[in-house]
């Protein structure tokens, strides 16, 4: 299953469990612009000015007493930027998870809610 399809299903699951979820996969919107489309560069620049950081996780979960950062990975590994972001989050005492399946999200929901 493609990563975005897994992510869609996970977001739906989180909402079912009443977990407040913020999607931060901003740059996925680039797929709607051709490589030569000038709007592509405007899109990138706008989001960088608004705080986008390369390597930021796909989802932020806001629980009752905790915020959890989640990277969804269907295949492959985290990029070096994603690993650096994870280290920064964890150095601040926050939880960072990497989910490679819907089942991992489902287990999380059953344990946390």
Protein backbone atom coordinates (compact mmCIF):
# COMPACT_ATOMS: atom_id res chain seq x y z
CA UNK A 1 0.00 0.00 0.00
CA UNK A 2 1.34 3.43 -0.88
CA UNK A 3 2.56 5.54 2.01
CA UNK A 4 -0.10 8.21 1.56
CA UNK A 5 -2.88 5.63 1.50
CA UNK A 6 -1.60 4.20 4.78
CA UNK A 7 -1.41 7.71 6.18
CA UNK A 8 -5.01 8.46 5.13
CA UNK A 9 -6.19 5.28 6.86
CA UNK A 10 -4.16 6.11 9.98
CA UNK A 11 -5.60 9.63 10.18
CA UNK A 12 -9.11 8.21 9.86
CA UNK A 13 -8.33 5.72 12.67
CA UNK A 14 -6.91 8.45 14.93
CA UNK A 15 -10.02 10.55 14.39
CA UNK A 16 -12.20 7.55 15.23
CA UNK A 17 -10.34 7.30 18.55
CA UNK A 18 -10.83 11.07 19.06
CA UNK A 19 -7.10 11.77 18.92
CA UNK A 20 -6.38 15.28 17.69
CA UNK A 21 -4.07 14.87 14.72
CA UNK A 22 -2.22 17.54 12.75
CA UNK A 23 -0.84 16.57 9.35
CA UNK A 24 2.51 18.22 8.62
CA UNK A 25 3.44 16.48 5.38
CA UNK A 26 3.36 19.87 3.63
CA UNK A 27 5.68 19.06 0.78
CA UNK A 28 3.51 16.18 -0.42
CA UNK A 29 1.55 18.95 -2.17
CA UNK A 30 4.42 19.31 -4.62
CA UNK A 31 3.14 16.32 -6.56
CA UNK A 32 0.42 18.60 -7.96
CA UNK A 33 2.98 20.85 -9.69
CA UNK A 34 5.20 19.92 -12.61
CA UNK A 35 8.94 20.28 -12.13
CA UNK A 36 9.01 23.45 -14.28
CA UNK A 37 5.82 25.00 -12.87
CA UNK A 38 6.74 28.37 -11.25
CA UNK A 39 4.03 27.81 -8.63
CA UNK A 40 6.14 24.92 -7.32
CA UNK A 41 8.87 27.31 -6.19
CA UNK A 42 6.35 29.76 -4.72
CA UNK A 43 4.81 26.85 -2.79
CA UNK A 44 8.18 25.75 -1.39
CA UNK A 45 9.24 29.27 -0.43
CA UNK A 46 5.91 30.02 1.23
CA UNK A 47 6.06 26.92 3.42
CA UNK A 48 9.68 27.50 4.37
CA UNK A 49 8.76 31.02 5.50
CA UNK A 50 5.85 29.54 7.48
CA UNK A 51 8.16 27.22 9.43
CA UNK A 52 8.51 24.06 7.36
CA UNK A 53 11.67 22.17 8.29
CA UNK A 54 13.06 19.42 6.09
CA UNK A 55 12.71 16.15 7.99
CA UNK A 56 9.67 17.12 10.06
CA UNK A 57 7.31 14.20 10.81
CA UNK A 58 4.13 13.45 8.90
CA UNK A 59 1.79 13.69 11.89
CA UNK A 60 1.58 15.37 15.27
CA UNK A 61 -0.78 13.69 17.74
CA UNK A 62 -2.14 15.79 20.58
CA UNK A 63 -3.14 13.59 23.48
CA UNK A 64 -4.45 14.65 26.88
CA UNK A 65 -1.04 15.04 28.55
CA UNK A 66 1.40 14.52 25.71
CA UNK A 67 2.26 15.42 22.15
CA UNK A 68 3.56 12.59 19.98
CA UNK A 69 5.38 13.00 16.67
CA UNK A 70 4.86 10.29 14.04
CA UNK A 71 6.67 9.52 10.81
CA UNK A 72 4.80 7.15 8.48
CA UNK A 73 7.10 4.94 6.42
CA UNK A 74 5.68 2.38 4.00
CA UNK A 75 9.07 1.32 2.67
CA UNK A 76 12.61 2.38 3.16
CA UNK A 77 14.29 4.25 5.96
CA UNK A 78 14.12 7.70 7.43
CA UNK A 79 16.17 10.32 5.65
CA UNK A 80 19.13 11.84 7.52
CA UNK A 81 17.00 14.98 8.07
CA UNK A 82 14.20 12.89 9.57
CA UNK A 83 16.64 11.16 11.90
CA UNK A 84 18.05 14.54 12.97
CA UNK A 85 14.53 15.85 13.61
CA UNK A 86 13.72 12.75 15.67
CA UNK A 87 16.86 13.23 17.76
CA UNK A 88 15.94 16.88 18.37
CA UNK A 89 12.38 15.98 19.43
CA UNK A 90 13.61 13.22 21.75
CA UNK A 91 16.30 15.48 23.24
CA UNK A 92 13.45 17.72 24.36
CA UNK A 93 11.76 14.83 26.16
CA UNK A 94 9.11 14.22 23.53
CA UNK A 95 8.02 10.92 22.01
CA UNK A 96 8.71 10.23 18.33
CA UNK A 97 7.36 7.12 16.61
CA UNK A 98 7.92 5.59 13.20
CA UNK A 99 4.97 3.57 11.93
CA UNK A 100 5.30 1.36 8.88
CA UNK A 101 1.81 -0.09 9.04
CA UNK A 102 -1.78 0.62 9.91
CA UNK A 103 -1.52 -2.10 12.55
CA UNK A 104 1.10 -0.15 14.49
CA UNK A 105 -1.23 2.84 14.62
CA UNK A 106 -4.10 0.61 15.69
CA UNK A 107 -2.03 -0.88 18.52
CA UNK A 108 -1.06 2.63 19.64
CA UNK A 109 -4.70 3.73 19.72
CA UNK A 110 -5.82 0.72 21.74
CA UNK A 111 -3.02 1.25 24.27
CA UNK A 112 -3.30 5.05 24.57
CA UNK A 113 -7.03 5.66 24.58
